[in-house]
Amino acid sequence: AIPESVELLQNYPNPFNASTVIRYEIPDAANVTLTVYNTNGQAVATLQSGLQEAGRHEIQWNAADVASGIYVYVLKYNEKTLARKMILIH
């Protein structure tokens, strides 16, 4: 079934070591950007950028090359911006 609204789910596992999965749902095909930021607001990874079909999506982030700490992942879909925090522990 196609989701009725855009939703950004909590990553799993969280806290995580080295890699985690981020899931989100979009109700219509659209340009989507999924970016991970550190607590200084610097982008450390762009996991998705471009047109995606409606439905459920999941992306794995391999964070082996970034420092332990709190990160924020941000989903931009049309005019909406959703964000959640995650914790990386090496």
Protein backbone atom coordinates (compact mmCIF):
# COMPACT_ATOMS: atom_id res chain seq x y z
CA ALA A 1 0.00 0.00 0.00
CA ILE A 2 1.14 3.53 -0.75
CA PRO A 3 1.71 5.61 2.41
CA GLU A 4 -0.76 8.46 2.96
CA SER A 5 1.85 10.89 4.23
CA VAL A 6 5.60 11.37 4.38
CA GLU A 7 7.20 9.71 7.39
CA LEU A 8 10.77 9.44 8.64
CA LEU A 9 11.27 6.47 10.95
CA GLN A 10 13.85 6.01 13.69
CA ASN A 11 17.02 4.36 12.46
CA TYR A 12 17.74 0.81 13.54
CA PRO A 13 19.73 -0.13 15.46
CA ASN A 14 20.15 2.99 17.58
CA PRO A 15 22.66 3.47 19.13
CA PHE A 16 24.68 1.78 16.41
CA ASN A 17 28.25 0.74 15.69
CA ALA A 18 29.52 1.20 12.13
CA SER A 19 26.25 0.88 10.22
CA THR A 20 22.54 1.53 10.60
CA VAL A 21 19.39 1.46 8.46
CA ILE A 22 17.21 4.53 7.92
CA ARG A 23 13.65 3.99 6.67
CA TYR A 24 11.15 6.48 5.32
CA GLU A 25 7.88 6.56 3.43
CA ILE A 26 6.66 8.97 0.77
CA PRO A 27 3.10 9.17 -0.64
CA ASP A 28 4.04 10.42 -4.13
CA ALA A 29 6.99 10.20 -6.49
CA ALA A 30 9.18 13.21 -5.76
CA ASN A 31 12.70 14.51 -5.47
CA VAL A 32 13.99 13.36 -2.10
CA THR A 33 17.16 14.26 -0.24
CA LEU A 34 18.39 12.33 2.80
CA THR A 35 21.41 13.91 4.47
CA VAL A 36 23.28 13.13 7.69
CA TYR A 37 24.64 16.07 9.72
CA ASN A 38 26.94 16.25 12.73
CA THR A 39 26.12 18.41 15.76
CA ASN A 40 27.99 21.34 14.17
CA GLY A 41 25.53 21.32 11.27
CA GLN A 42 28.08 19.99 8.79
CA ALA A 43 26.83 17.44 6.26
CA VAL A 44 28.79 14.21 6.66
CA ALA A 45 26.86 12.04 4.18
CA THR A 46 24.22 12.39 1.47
CA LEU A 47 22.42 9.06 1.33
CA GLN A 48 19.77 9.91 -1.26
CA SER A 49 19.38 12.76 -3.71
CA GLY A 50 16.97 12.55 -6.62
CA LEU A 51 13.64 11.25 -7.83
CA GLN A 52 12.11 8.35 -5.92
CA GLU A 53 8.88 6.43 -6.41
CA ALA A 54 6.10 6.54 -3.84
CA GLY A 55 6.33 3.90 -1.13
CA ARG A 56 8.64 2.66 1.59
CA HIS A 57 12.39 3.09 1.26
CA GLU A 58 15.35 2.04 3.36
CA ILE A 59 18.98 3.07 3.11
CA GLN A 60 21.95 1.69 4.99
CA TRP A 61 24.56 4.16 6.25
CA ASN A 62 28.07 2.85 6.82
CA ALA A 63 29.54 5.27 9.36
CA ALA A 64 32.86 3.50 9.92
CA ASP A 65 34.79 6.59 8.77
CA VAL A 66 33.12 9.18 11.02
CA ALA A 67 33.62 9.85 14.73
CA SER A 68 31.39 8.55 17.51
CA GLY A 69 28.68 10.98 18.54
CA ILE A 70 25.20 12.26 17.87
CA TYR A 71 24.09 12.75 14.28
CA VAL A 72 20.91 14.15 12.77
CA TYR A 73 19.45 12.70 9.60
CA VAL A 74 17.23 15.01 7.57
CA LEU A 75 14.70 14.03 4.92
CA LYS A 76 13.61 16.72 2.47
CA TYR A 77 10.50 15.87 0.46
CA ASN A 78 8.71 18.58 -1.55
CA GLU A 79 8.22 21.43 0.95
CA LYS A 80 8.58 19.23 4.02
CA THR A 81 11.68 18.65 6.14
CA LEU A 82 11.77 15.90 8.75
CA ALA A 83 14.65 15.12 11.09
CA ARG A 84 15.65 12.56 13.72
CA LYS A 85 18.69 12.00 15.91
CA MET A 86 20.86 8.90 16.07
CA ILE A 87 23.87 7.89 18.14
CA LEU A 88 27.04 6.33 16.73
CA ILE A 89 29.29 4.46 19.16
CA HIS A 90 32.54 2.95 17.86
